[in-house]
Amino acid sequence: DEFPPLDSAELERALRIVAELEATMIVHAEDSDAIEHAPSAHGEN
């Protein structure tokens, strides 16, 4: 919980900052809405 995600607007803002700094943004790229609507993880299978 102490490392919350960025939404789309925050990601764009963050990338503009990163571009100004000539830095790199490394991204855990999985879409939250798609995973929220996928079957839930459960059980041994």
PDB file of all heavy atoms in Angstrom:
ATOM      1  N   ASP A   1       0.802  -1.224   0.000  1.00  0.00           N
ATOM      2  CA  ASP A   1       0.000   0.000   0.000  1.00  0.00           C
ATOM      3  C   ASP A   1       0.834   1.273   0.000  1.00  0.00           C
ATOM      4  O   ASP A   1       0.370   2.324  -0.463  1.00  0.00           O
ATOM      5  CB  ASP A   1      -0.934   0.003   1.216  1.00  0.00           C
ATOM      6  CG  ASP A   1      -2.013  -1.062   1.132  1.00  0.00           C
ATOM      7  OD1 ASP A   1      -2.311  -1.518   0.008  1.00  0.00           O
ATOM      8  OD2 ASP A   1      -2.547  -1.452   2.195  1.00  0.00           O
ATOM      9  N   GLU A   2       2.072   1.185   0.509  1.00  0.00           N
ATOM     10  CA  GLU A   2       2.888   2.401   0.626  1.00  0.00           C
ATOM     11  C   GLU A   2       3.541   2.820  -0.686  1.00  0.00           C
ATOM     12  O   GLU A   2       4.261   3.826  -0.732  1.00  0.00           O
ATOM     13  CB  GLU A   2       3.963   2.213   1.711  1.00  0.00           C
ATOM     14  CG  GLU A   2       5.033   1.188   1.388  1.00  0.00           C
ATOM     15  CD  GLU A   2       4.673  -0.230   1.795  1.00  0.00           C
ATOM     16  OE1 GLU A   2       3.523  -0.473   2.254  1.00  0.00           O
ATOM     17  OE2 GLU A   2       5.548  -1.113   1.665  1.00  0.00           O
ATOM     18  N   PHE A   3       3.280   2.072  -1.757  1.00  0.00           N
ATOM     19  CA  PHE A   3       3.821   2.428  -3.071  1.00  0.00           C
ATOM     20  C   PHE A   3       2.676   2.455  -4.073  1.00  0.00           C
ATOM     21  O   PHE A   3       2.522   1.559  -4.903  1.00  0.00           O
ATOM     22  CB  PHE A   3       4.907   1.418  -3.493  1.00  0.00           C
ATOM     23  CG  PHE A   3       5.860   1.936  -4.536  1.00  0.00           C
ATOM     24  CD1 PHE A   3       7.032   2.571  -4.170  1.00  0.00           C
ATOM     25  CD2 PHE A   3       5.587   1.778  -5.891  1.00  0.00           C
ATOM     26  CE1 PHE A   3       7.923   3.047  -5.131  1.00  0.00           C
ATOM     27  CE2 PHE A   3       6.459   2.250  -6.863  1.00  0.00           C
ATOM     28  CZ  PHE A   3       7.632   2.891  -6.476  1.00  0.00           C
ATOM     29  N   PRO A   4       1.812   3.504  -4.009  1.00  0.00           N
ATOM     30  CA  PRO A   4       0.592   3.533  -4.828  1.00  0.00           C
ATOM     31  C   PRO A   4       0.891   3.817  -6.302  1.00  0.00           C
ATOM     32  O   PRO A   4       1.889   4.456  -6.650  1.00  0.00           O
ATOM     33  CB  PRO A   4      -0.222   4.665  -4.201  1.00  0.00           C
ATOM     34  CG  PRO A   4       0.794   5.551  -3.556  1.00  0.00           C
ATOM     35  CD  PRO A   4       1.881   4.641  -3.067  1.00  0.00           C
ATOM     36  N   PRO A   5       0.013   3.352  -7.191  1.00  0.00           N
ATOM     37  CA  PRO A   5       0.234   3.509  -8.634  1.00  0.00           C
ATOM     38  C   PRO A   5      -0.081   4.914  -9.117  1.00  0.00           C
ATOM     39  O   PRO A   5      -0.691   5.729  -8.427  1.00  0.00           O
ATOM     40  CB  PRO A   5      -0.737   2.490  -9.237  1.00  0.00           C
ATOM     41  CG  PRO A   5      -1.852   2.419  -8.238  1.00  0.00           C
ATOM     42  CD  PRO A   5      -1.197   2.571  -6.891  1.00  0.00           C
ATOM     43  N   LEU A   6       0.331   5.173 -10.364  1.00  0.00           N
ATOM     44  CA  LEU A   6      -0.019   6.404 -11.060  1.00  0.00           C
ATOM     45  C   LEU A   6      -1.210   6.152 -11.970  1.00  0.00           C
ATOM     46  O   LEU A   6      -1.284   5.101 -12.617  1.00  0.00           O
ATOM     47  CB  LEU A   6       1.158   6.894 -11.915  1.00  0.00           C
ATOM     48  CG  LEU A   6       2.479   7.207 -11.201  1.00  0.00           C
ATOM     49  CD1 LEU A   6       3.525   7.633 -12.222  1.00  0.00           C
ATOM     50  CD2 LEU A   6       2.298   8.264 -10.126  1.00  0.00           C
ATOM     51  N   ASP A   7      -2.127   7.122 -12.028  1.00  0.00           N
ATOM     52  CA  ASP A   7      -3.169   7.027 -13.039  1.00  0.00           C
ATOM     53  C   ASP A   7      -2.635   7.645 -14.339  1.00  0.00           C
ATOM     54  O   ASP A   7      -1.497   8.123 -14.403  1.00  0.00           O
ATOM     55  CB  ASP A   7      -4.472   7.674 -12.575  1.00  0.00           C
ATOM     56  CG  ASP A   7      -4.344   9.174 -12.291  1.00  0.00           C
ATOM     57  OD1 ASP A   7      -3.447   9.842 -12.877  1.00  0.00           O
ATOM     58  OD2 ASP A   7      -5.135   9.702 -11.478  1.00  0.00           O
ATOM     59  N   SER A   8      -3.467   7.662 -15.368  1.00  0.00           N
ATOM     60  CA  SER A   8      -2.990   8.092 -16.689  1.00  0.00           C
ATOM     61  C   SER A   8      -2.501   9.532 -16.679  1.00  0.00           C
ATOM     62  O   SER A   8      -1.453   9.857 -17.272  1.00  0.00           O
ATOM     63  CB  SER A   8      -4.101   7.935 -17.724  1.00  0.00           C
ATOM     64  OG  SER A   8      -4.426   6.574 -17.900  1.00  0.00           O
ATOM     65  N   ALA A   9      -3.236  10.418 -16.016  1.00  0.00           N
ATOM     66  CA  ALA A   9      -2.836  11.833 -15.986  1.00  0.00           C
ATOM     67  C   ALA A   9      -1.535  12.006 -15.212  1.00  0.00           C
ATOM     68  O   ALA A   9      -0.664  12.794 -15.620  1.00  0.00           O
ATOM     69  CB  ALA A   9      -3.950  12.672 -15.359  1.00  0.00           C
ATOM     70  N   GLU A  10      -1.402  11.285 -14.099  1.00  0.00           N
ATOM     71  CA  GLU A  10      -0.168  11.378 -13.322  1.00  0.00           C
ATOM     72  C   GLU A  10       1.013  10.807 -14.098  1.00  0.00           C
ATOM     73  O   GLU A  10       2.134  11.347 -14.036  1.00  0.00           O
ATOM     74  CB  GLU A  10      -0.333  10.627 -11.999  1.00  0.00           C
ATOM     75  CG  GLU A  10      -1.267  11.291 -11.016  1.00  0.00           C
ATOM     76  CD  GLU A  10      -1.559  10.389  -9.824  1.00  0.00           C
ATOM     77  OE1 GLU A  10      -1.756   9.176 -10.018  1.00  0.00           O
ATOM     78  OE2 GLU A  10      -1.590  10.923  -8.695  1.00  0.00           O
ATOM     79  N   LEU A  11       0.779   9.726 -14.828  1.00  0.00           N
ATOM     80  CA  LEU A  11       1.863   9.147 -15.619  1.00  0.00           C
ATOM     81  C   LEU A  11       2.340  10.141 -16.675  1.00  0.00           C
ATOM     82  O   LEU A  11       3.557  10.317 -16.869  1.00  0.00           O
ATOM     83  CB  LEU A  11       1.396   7.850 -16.287  1.00  0.00           C
ATOM     84  CG  LEU A  11       2.420   7.177 -17.210  1.00  0.00           C
ATOM     85  CD1 LEU A  11       3.684   6.792 -16.449  1.00  0.00           C
ATOM     86  CD2 LEU A  11       1.810   5.947 -17.885  1.00  0.00           C
ATOM     87  N   GLU A  12       1.410  10.822 -17.350  1.00  0.00           N
ATOM     88  CA  GLU A  12       1.829  11.802 -18.346  1.00  0.00           C
ATOM     89  C   GLU A  12       2.614  12.939 -17.700  1.00  0.00           C
ATOM     90  O   GLU A  12       3.660  13.365 -18.220  1.00  0.00           O
ATOM     91  CB  GLU A  12       0.621  12.357 -19.098  1.00  0.00           C
ATOM     92  CG  GLU A  12       1.033  13.363 -20.164  1.00  0.00           C
ATOM     93  CD  GLU A  12      -0.104  13.759 -21.084  1.00  0.00           C
ATOM     94  OE1 GLU A  12      -1.202  13.193 -20.975  1.00  0.00           O
ATOM     95  OE2 GLU A  12       0.125  14.653 -21.930  1.00  0.00           O
ATOM     96  N   ARG A  13       2.155  13.417 -16.558  1.00  0.00           N
ATOM     97  CA  ARG A  13       2.882  14.481 -15.867  1.00  0.00           C
ATOM     98  C   ARG A  13       4.274  14.001 -15.449  1.00  0.00           C
ATOM     99  O   ARG A  13       5.273  14.709 -15.620  1.00  0.00           O
ATOM    100  CB  ARG A  13       2.098  14.953 -14.637  1.00  0.00           C
ATOM    101  CG  ARG A  13       2.795  16.089 -13.914  1.00  0.00           C
ATOM    102  CD  ARG A  13       2.107  16.481 -12.624  1.00  0.00           C
ATOM    103  NE  ARG A  13       2.999  17.319 -11.817  1.00  0.00           N
ATOM    104  CZ  ARG A  13       2.988  17.390 -10.498  1.00  0.00           C
ATOM    105  NH1 ARG A  13       2.122  16.653  -9.812  1.00  0.00           N
ATOM    106  NH2 ARG A  13       3.833  18.164  -9.862  1.00  0.00           N
ATOM    107  N   ALA A  14       4.328  12.789 -14.902  1.00  0.00           N
ATOM    108  CA  ALA A  14       5.619  12.246 -14.474  1.00  0.00           C
ATOM    109  C   ALA A  14       6.571  12.111 -15.657  1.00  0.00           C
ATOM    110  O   ALA A  14       7.771  12.427 -15.542  1.00  0.00           O
ATOM    111  CB  ALA A  14       5.417  10.892 -13.798  1.00  0.00           C
ATOM    112  N   LEU A  15       6.061  11.676 -16.796  1.00  0.00           N
ATOM    113  CA  LEU A  15       6.924  11.515 -17.968  1.00  0.00           C
ATOM    114  C   LEU A  15       7.424  12.861 -18.487  1.00  0.00           C
ATOM    115  O   LEU A  15       8.547  12.959 -18.997  1.00  0.00           O
ATOM    116  CB  LEU A  15       6.185  10.761 -19.063  1.00  0.00           C
ATOM    117  CG  LEU A  15       5.967   9.265 -18.800  1.00  0.00           C
ATOM    118  CD1 LEU A  15       5.167   8.634 -19.933  1.00  0.00           C
ATOM    119  CD2 LEU A  15       7.283   8.530 -18.620  1.00  0.00           C
ATOM    120  N   ARG A  16       6.629  13.906 -18.349  1.00  0.00           N
ATOM    121  CA  ARG A  16       7.110  15.228 -18.760  1.00  0.00           C
ATOM    122  C   ARG A  16       8.259  15.684 -17.850  1.00  0.00           C
ATOM    123  O   ARG A  16       9.237  16.289 -18.311  1.00  0.00           O
ATOM    124  CB  ARG A  16       5.966  16.237 -18.762  1.00  0.00           C
ATOM    125  CG  ARG A  16       4.919  15.935 -19.829  1.00  0.00           C
ATOM    126  CD  ARG A  16       3.947  17.059 -20.069  1.00  0.00           C
ATOM    127  NE  ARG A  16       2.939  16.667 -21.059  1.00  0.00           N
ATOM    128  CZ  ARG A  16       3.125  16.642 -22.366  1.00  0.00           C
ATOM    129  NH1 ARG A  16       4.301  17.009 -22.859  1.00  0.00           N
ATOM    130  NH2 ARG A  16       2.166  16.271 -23.192  1.00  0.00           N
ATOM    131  N   ILE A  17       8.153  15.378 -16.564  1.00  0.00           N
ATOM    132  CA  ILE A  17       9.246  15.701 -15.643  1.00  0.00           C
ATOM    133  C   ILE A  17      10.490  14.891 -15.995  1.00  0.00           C
ATOM    134  O   ILE A  17      11.606  15.413 -16.049  1.00  0.00           O
ATOM    135  CB  ILE A  17       8.813  15.433 -14.190  1.00  0.00           C
ATOM    136  CG1 ILE A  17       7.669  16.368 -13.790  1.00  0.00           C
ATOM    137  CG2 ILE A  17       9.999  15.579 -13.232  1.00  0.00           C
ATOM    138  CD1 ILE A  17       7.018  16.009 -12.458  1.00  0.00           C
ATOM    139  N   VAL A  18      10.288  13.606 -16.249  1.00  0.00           N
ATOM    140  CA  VAL A  18      11.397  12.717 -16.598  1.00  0.00           C
ATOM    141  C   VAL A  18      12.083  13.199 -17.876  1.00  0.00           C
ATOM    142  O   VAL A  18      13.324  13.180 -17.984  1.00  0.00           O
ATOM    143  CB  VAL A  18      10.881  11.270 -16.748  1.00  0.00           C
ATOM    144  CG1 VAL A  18      11.894  10.387 -17.453  1.00  0.00           C
ATOM    145  CG2 VAL A  18      10.548  10.691 -15.374  1.00  0.00           C
ATOM    146  N   ALA A  19      11.306  13.651 -18.847  1.00  0.00           N
ATOM    147  CA  ALA A  19      11.886  14.154 -20.093  1.00  0.00           C
ATOM    148  C   ALA A  19      12.733  15.394 -19.828  1.00  0.00           C
ATOM    149  O   ALA A  19      13.827  15.552 -20.394  1.00  0.00           O
ATOM    150  CB  ALA A  19      10.780  14.457 -21.099  1.00  0.00           C
ATOM    151  N   GLU A  20      12.261  16.300 -18.971  1.00  0.00           N
ATOM    152  CA  GLU A  20      13.025  17.496 -18.629  1.00  0.00           C
ATOM    153  C   GLU A  20      14.343  17.137 -17.952  1.00  0.00           C
ATOM    154  O   GLU A  20      15.367  17.802 -18.167  1.00  0.00           O
ATOM    155  CB  GLU A  20      12.206  18.393 -17.701  1.00  0.00           C
ATOM    156  CG  GLU A  20      11.015  19.063 -18.362  1.00  0.00           C
ATOM    157  CD  GLU A  20      10.178  19.832 -17.355  1.00  0.00           C
ATOM    158  OE1 GLU A  20      10.599  19.917 -16.179  1.00  0.00           O
ATOM    159  OE2 GLU A  20       9.111  20.349 -17.737  1.00  0.00           O
ATOM    160  N   LEU A  21      14.318  16.096 -17.137  1.00  0.00           N
ATOM    161  CA  LEU A  21      15.517  15.682 -16.403  1.00  0.00           C
ATOM    162  C   LEU A  21      16.448  14.820 -17.252  1.00  0.00           C
ATOM    163  O   LEU A  21      17.563  14.523 -16.813  1.00  0.00           O
ATOM    164  CB  LEU A  21      15.104  14.893 -15.156  1.00  0.00           C
ATOM    165  CG  LEU A  21      14.315  15.646 -14.081  1.00  0.00           C
ATOM    166  CD1 LEU A  21      13.854  14.686 -12.981  1.00  0.00           C
ATOM    167  CD2 LEU A  21      15.149  16.770 -13.484  1.00  0.00           C
ATOM    168  N   GLU A  22      16.002  14.410 -18.439  1.00  0.00           N
ATOM    169  CA  GLU A  22      16.730  13.434 -19.260  1.00  0.00           C
ATOM    170  C   GLU A  22      16.991  12.158 -18.456  1.00  0.00           C
ATOM    171  O   GLU A  22      18.078  11.578 -18.500  1.00  0.00           O
ATOM    172  CB  GLU A  22      18.038  14.013 -19.797  1.00  0.00           C
ATOM    173  CG  GLU A  22      17.889  14.700 -21.142  1.00  0.00           C
ATOM    174  CD  GLU A  22      17.384  13.755 -22.235  1.00  0.00           C
ATOM    175  OE1 GLU A  22      17.933  12.654 -22.375  1.00  0.00           O
ATOM    176  OE2 GLU A  22      16.420  14.129 -22.931  1.00  0.00           O
ATOM    177  N   ALA A  23      15.981  11.742 -17.732  1.00  0.00           N
ATOM    178  CA  ALA A  23      16.040  10.539 -16.906  1.00  0.00           C
ATOM    179  C   ALA A  23      15.278   9.420 -17.606  1.00  0.00           C
ATOM    180  O   ALA A  23      14.881   9.542 -18.771  1.00  0.00           O
ATOM    181  CB  ALA A  23      15.462  10.818 -15.520  1.00  0.00           C
ATOM    182  N   THR A  24      15.066   8.313 -16.897  1.00  0.00           N
ATOM    183  CA  THR A  24      14.348   7.158 -17.432  1.00  0.00           C
ATOM    184  C   THR A  24      13.224   6.783 -16.475  1.00  0.00           C
ATOM    185  O   THR A  24      13.425   6.752 -15.259  1.00  0.00           O
ATOM    186  CB  THR A  24      15.290   5.948 -17.596  1.00  0.00           C
ATOM    187  OG1 THR A  24      16.343   6.291 -18.492  1.00  0.00           O
ATOM    188  CG2 THR A  24      14.543   4.743 -18.150  1.00  0.00           C
ATOM    189  N   MET A  25      12.058   6.497 -17.023  1.00  0.00           N
ATOM    190  CA  MET A  25      10.953   5.944 -16.249  1.00  0.00           C
ATOM    191  C   MET A  25      10.856   4.454 -16.555  1.00  0.00           C
ATOM    192  O   MET A  25      10.707   4.060 -17.717  1.00  0.00           O
ATOM    193  CB  MET A  25       9.629   6.620 -16.600  1.00  0.00           C
ATOM    194  CG  MET A  25       8.433   6.076 -15.807  1.00  0.00           C
ATOM    195  SD  MET A  25       8.494   6.505 -14.053  1.00  0.00           S
ATOM    196  CE  MET A  25       7.858   8.205 -14.126  1.00  0.00           C
ATOM    197  N   ILE A  26      10.970   3.634 -15.528  1.00  0.00           N
ATOM    198  CA  ILE A  26      10.827   2.192 -15.696  1.00  0.00           C
ATOM    199  C   ILE A  26       9.446   1.811 -15.172  1.00  0.00           C
ATOM    200  O   ILE A  26       9.037   2.250 -14.104  1.00  0.00           O
ATOM    201  CB  ILE A  26      11.975   1.427 -15.011  1.00  0.00           C
ATOM    202  CG1 ILE A  26      11.964   1.621 -13.497  1.00  0.00           C
ATOM    203  CG2 ILE A  26      13.322   1.878 -15.568  1.00  0.00           C
ATOM    204  CD1 ILE A  26      13.006   0.772 -12.757  1.00  0.00           C
ATOM    205  N   VAL A  27       8.736   1.000 -15.941  1.00  0.00           N
ATOM    206  CA  VAL A  27       7.300   0.846 -15.710  1.00  0.00           C
ATOM    207  C   VAL A  27       6.907  -0.620 -15.540  1.00  0.00           C
ATOM    208  O   VAL A  27       7.220  -1.457 -16.401  1.00  0.00           O
ATOM    209  CB  VAL A  27       6.487   1.451 -16.878  1.00  0.00           C
ATOM    210  CG1 VAL A  27       4.990   1.403 -16.552  1.00  0.00           C
ATOM    211  CG2 VAL A  27       6.941   2.871 -17.167  1.00  0.00           C
ATOM    212  N   HIS A  28       6.193  -0.902 -14.440  1.00  0.00           N
ATOM    213  CA  HIS A  28       5.474  -2.168 -14.309  1.00  0.00           C
ATOM    214  C   HIS A  28       4.181  -1.994 -15.091  1.00  0.00           C
ATOM    215  O   HIS A  28       3.252  -1.316 -14.637  1.00  0.00           O
ATOM    216  CB  HIS A  28       5.195  -2.498 -12.848  1.00  0.00           C
ATOM    217  CG  HIS A  28       4.495  -3.807 -12.662  1.00  0.00           C
ATOM    218  ND1 HIS A  28       5.015  -4.817 -11.883  1.00  0.00           N
ATOM    219  CD2 HIS A  28       3.323  -4.291 -13.149  1.00  0.00           C
ATOM    220  CE1 HIS A  28       4.194  -5.857 -11.901  1.00  0.00           C
ATOM    221  NE2 HIS A  28       3.144  -5.551 -12.668  1.00  0.00           N
ATOM    222  N   ALA A  29       4.136  -2.586 -16.270  1.00  0.00           N
ATOM    223  CA  ALA A  29       3.070  -2.312 -17.225  1.00  0.00           C
ATOM    224  C   ALA A  29       2.030  -3.426 -17.227  1.00  0.00           C
ATOM    225  O   ALA A  29       2.143  -4.414 -17.960  1.00  0.00           O
ATOM    226  CB  ALA A  29       3.652  -2.114 -18.622  1.00  0.00           C
ATOM    227  N   GLU A  30       1.022  -3.283 -16.393  1.00  0.00           N
ATOM    228  CA  GLU A  30      -0.208  -4.083 -16.451  1.00  0.00           C
ATOM    229  C   GLU A  30      -1.356  -3.122 -16.200  1.00  0.00           C
ATOM    230  O   GLU A  30      -1.278  -2.283 -15.300  1.00  0.00           O
ATOM    231  CB  GLU A  30      -0.217  -5.201 -15.409  1.00  0.00           C
ATOM    232  CG  GLU A  30       0.752  -6.329 -15.671  1.00  0.00           C
ATOM    233  CD  GLU A  30       0.662  -7.410 -14.600  1.00  0.00           C
ATOM    234  OE1 GLU A  30       1.174  -7.170 -13.477  1.00  0.00           O
ATOM    235  OE2 GLU A  30       0.086  -8.472 -14.871  1.00  0.00           O
ATOM    236  N   ASP A  31      -2.390  -3.228 -16.986  1.00  0.00           N
ATOM    237  CA  ASP A  31      -3.514  -2.306 -16.906  1.00  0.00           C
ATOM    238  C   ASP A  31      -4.434  -2.674 -15.747  1.00  0.00           C
ATOM    239  O   ASP A  31      -4.929  -3.808 -15.665  1.00  0.00           O
ATOM    240  CB  ASP A  31      -4.292  -2.326 -18.222  1.00  0.00           C
ATOM    241  CG  ASP A  31      -5.435  -1.337 -18.236  1.00  0.00           C
ATOM    242  OD1 ASP A  31      -5.177  -0.145 -18.475  1.00  0.00           O
ATOM    243  OD2 ASP A  31      -6.587  -1.756 -17.978  1.00  0.00           O
ATOM    244  N   SER A  32      -4.669  -1.719 -14.857  1.00  0.00           N
ATOM    245  CA  SER A  32      -5.436  -2.013 -13.643  1.00  0.00           C
ATOM    246  C   SER A  32      -6.887  -2.347 -13.950  1.00  0.00           C
ATOM    247  O   SER A  32      -7.473  -3.250 -13.331  1.00  0.00           O
ATOM    248  CB  SER A  32      -5.375  -0.819 -12.679  1.00  0.00           C
ATOM    249  OG  SER A  32      -5.903   0.348 -13.279  1.00  0.00           O
ATOM    250  N   ASP A  33      -7.489  -1.657 -14.913  1.00  0.00           N
ATOM    251  CA  ASP A  33      -8.898  -1.910 -15.227  1.00  0.00           C
ATOM    252  C   ASP A  33      -9.068  -3.296 -15.842  1.00  0.00           C
ATOM    253  O   ASP A  33     -10.004  -4.032 -15.498  1.00  0.00           O
ATOM    254  CB  ASP A  33      -9.409  -0.840 -16.188  1.00  0.00           C
ATOM    255  CG  ASP A  33     -10.907  -0.942 -16.404  1.00  0.00           C
ATOM    256  OD1 ASP A  33     -11.653  -0.805 -15.415  1.00  0.00           O
ATOM    257  OD2 ASP A  33     -11.325  -1.158 -17.558  1.00  0.00           O
ATOM    258  N   ALA A  34      -8.155  -3.693 -16.716  1.00  0.00           N
ATOM    259  CA  ALA A  34      -8.239  -5.018 -17.332  1.00  0.00           C
ATOM    260  C   ALA A  34      -8.102  -6.107 -16.281  1.00  0.00           C
ATOM    261  O   ALA A  34      -8.820  -7.128 -16.322  1.00  0.00           O
ATOM    262  CB  ALA A  34      -7.160  -5.167 -18.399  1.00  0.00           C
ATOM    263  N   ILE A  35      -7.218  -5.914 -15.331  1.00  0.00           N
ATOM    264  CA  ILE A  35      -7.027  -6.936 -14.303  1.00  0.00           C
ATOM    265  C   ILE A  35      -8.205  -6.950 -13.332  1.00  0.00           C
ATOM    266  O   ILE A  35      -8.633  -8.016 -12.878  1.00  0.00           O
ATOM    267  CB  ILE A  35      -5.690  -6.703 -13.588  1.00  0.00           C
ATOM    268  CG1 ILE A  35      -4.582  -6.994 -14.566  1.00  0.00           C
ATOM    269  CG2 ILE A  35      -5.595  -7.495 -12.293  1.00  0.00           C
ATOM    270  CD1 ILE A  35      -3.288  -7.449 -14.091  1.00  0.00           C
ATOM    271  N   GLU A  36      -8.770  -5.781 -13.079  1.00  0.00           N
ATOM    272  CA  GLU A  36      -9.944  -5.729 -12.195  1.00  0.00           C
ATOM    273  C   GLU A  36     -11.112  -6.508 -12.789  1.00  0.00           C
ATOM    274  O   GLU A  36     -11.913  -7.107 -12.047  1.00  0.00           O
ATOM    275  CB  GLU A  36     -10.345  -4.272 -11.963  1.00  0.00           C
ATOM    276  CG  GLU A  36     -11.498  -4.105 -10.994  1.00  0.00           C
ATOM    277  CD  GLU A  36     -11.831  -2.644 -10.749  1.00  0.00           C
ATOM    278  OE1 GLU A  36     -10.957  -1.786 -10.974  1.00  0.00           O
ATOM    279  OE2 GLU A  36     -12.981  -2.376 -10.318  1.00  0.00           O
ATOM    280  N   HIS A  37     -11.210  -6.540 -14.104  1.00  0.00           N
ATOM    281  CA  HIS A  37     -12.318  -7.235 -14.758  1.00  0.00           C
ATOM    282  C   HIS A  37     -11.969  -8.663 -15.176  1.00  0.00           C
ATOM    283  O   HIS A  37     -12.811  -9.368 -15.745  1.00  0.00           O
ATOM    284  CB  HIS A  37     -12.795  -6.440 -15.978  1.00  0.00           C
ATOM    285  CG  HIS A  37     -13.542  -5.194 -15.608  1.00  0.00           C
ATOM    286  ND1 HIS A  37     -12.895  -3.990 -15.342  1.00  0.00           N
ATOM    287  CD2 HIS A  37     -14.861  -4.956 -15.435  1.00  0.00           C
ATOM    288  CE1 HIS A  37     -13.800  -3.072 -15.034  1.00  0.00           C
ATOM    289  NE2 HIS A  37     -15.004  -3.624 -15.083  1.00  0.00           N
ATOM    290  N   ALA A  38     -10.741  -9.096 -14.898  1.00  0.00           N
ATOM    291  CA  ALA A  38     -10.357 -10.482 -15.170  1.00  0.00           C
ATOM    292  C   ALA A  38     -10.850 -11.376 -14.031  1.00  0.00           C
ATOM    293  O   ALA A  38     -11.200 -10.898 -12.954  1.00  0.00           O
ATOM    294  CB  ALA A  38      -8.839 -10.579 -15.303  1.00  0.00           C
ATOM    295  N   PRO A  39     -10.894 -12.688 -14.233  1.00  0.00           N
ATOM    296  CA  PRO A  39     -11.263 -13.591 -13.127  1.00  0.00           C
ATOM    297  C   PRO A  39     -10.301 -13.409 -11.953  1.00  0.00           C
ATOM    298  O   PRO A  39      -9.105 -13.147 -12.141  1.00  0.00           O
ATOM    299  CB  PRO A  39     -11.109 -14.984 -13.745  1.00  0.00           C
ATOM    300  CG  PRO A  39     -11.212 -14.763 -15.216  1.00  0.00           C
ATOM    301  CD  PRO A  39     -10.627 -13.414 -15.486  1.00  0.00           C
ATOM    302  N   SER A  40     -10.799 -13.535 -10.752  1.00  0.00           N
ATOM    303  CA  SER A  40      -9.949 -13.344  -9.578  1.00  0.00           C
ATOM    304  C   SER A  40      -9.010 -14.535  -9.410  1.00  0.00           C
ATOM    305  O   SER A  40      -9.335 -15.671  -9.767  1.00  0.00           O
ATOM    306  CB  SER A  40     -10.799 -13.177  -8.323  1.00  0.00           C
ATOM    307  OG  SER A  40     -11.575 -14.341  -8.102  1.00  0.00           O
ATOM    308  N   ALA A  41      -7.837 -14.252  -8.867  1.00  0.00           N
ATOM    309  CA  ALA A  41      -6.874 -15.317  -8.580  1.00  0.00           C
ATOM    310  C   ALA A  41      -7.328 -16.059  -7.336  1.00  0.00           C
ATOM    311  O   ALA A  41      -7.671 -15.455  -6.323  1.00  0.00           O
ATOM    312  CB  ALA A  41      -5.491 -14.722  -8.365  1.00  0.00           C
ATOM    313  N   HIS A  42      -7.328 -17.388  -7.426  1.00  0.00           N
ATOM    314  CA  HIS A  42      -7.765 -18.176  -6.274  1.00  0.00           C
ATOM    315  C   HIS A  42      -7.320 -19.623  -6.459  1.00  0.00           C
ATOM    316  O   HIS A  42      -7.159 -20.103  -7.589  1.00  0.00           O
ATOM    317  CB  HIS A  42      -9.293 -18.139  -6.145  1.00  0.00           C
ATOM    318  CG  HIS A  42      -9.997 -18.771  -7.308  1.00  0.00           C
ATOM    319  ND1 HIS A  42     -10.181 -18.110  -8.510  1.00  0.00           N
ATOM    320  CD2 HIS A  42     -10.520 -20.010  -7.467  1.00  0.00           C
ATOM    321  CE1 HIS A  42     -10.810 -18.928  -9.352  1.00  0.00           C
ATOM    322  NE2 HIS A  42     -11.029 -20.084  -8.753  1.00  0.00           N
ATOM    323  N   GLY A  43      -7.090 -20.286  -5.351  1.00  0.00           N
ATOM    324  CA  GLY A  43      -6.899 -21.725  -5.371  1.00  0.00           C
ATOM    325  C   GLY A  43      -5.551 -22.187  -5.874  1.00  0.00           C
ATOM    326  O   GLY A  43      -4.627 -21.419  -6.118  1.00  0.00           O
ATOM    327  N   GLU A  44      -5.445 -23.499  -6.068  1.00  0.00           N
ATOM    328  CA  GLU A  44      -4.184 -24.153  -6.382  1.00  0.00           C
ATOM    329  C   GLU A  44      -3.900 -24.259  -7.876  1.00  0.00           C
ATOM    330  O   GLU A  44      -2.764 -24.535  -8.259  1.00  0.00           O
ATOM    331  CB  GLU A  44      -4.189 -25.575  -5.804  1.00  0.00           C
ATOM    332  CG  GLU A  44      -4.303 -25.644  -4.300  1.00  0.00           C
ATOM    333  CD  GLU A  44      -4.260 -27.071  -3.789  1.00  0.00           C
ATOM    334  OE1 GLU A  44      -4.274 -28.003  -4.619  1.00  0.00           O
ATOM    335  OE2 GLU A  44      -4.186 -27.250  -2.565  1.00  0.00           O
ATOM    336  N   ASN A  45      -4.897 -24.065  -8.712  1.00  0.00           N
ATOM    337  CA  ASN A  45      -4.718 -24.302 -10.147  1.00  0.00           C
ATOM    338  C   ASN A  45      -3.983 -23.139 -10.802  1.00  0.00           C
ATOM    339  O   ASN A  45      -4.466 -22.004 -10.790  1.00  0.00           O
ATOM    340  CB  ASN A  45      -6.078 -24.509 -10.813  1.00  0.00           C
ATOM    341  CG  ASN A  45      -5.947 -24.919 -12.263  1.00  0.00           C
ATOM    342  OD1 ASN A  45      -5.787 -24.077 -13.128  1.00  0.00           O
ATOM    343  ND2 ASN A  45      -5.992 -26.226 -12.516  1.00  0.00           N
TER     344      ASN A  45
END
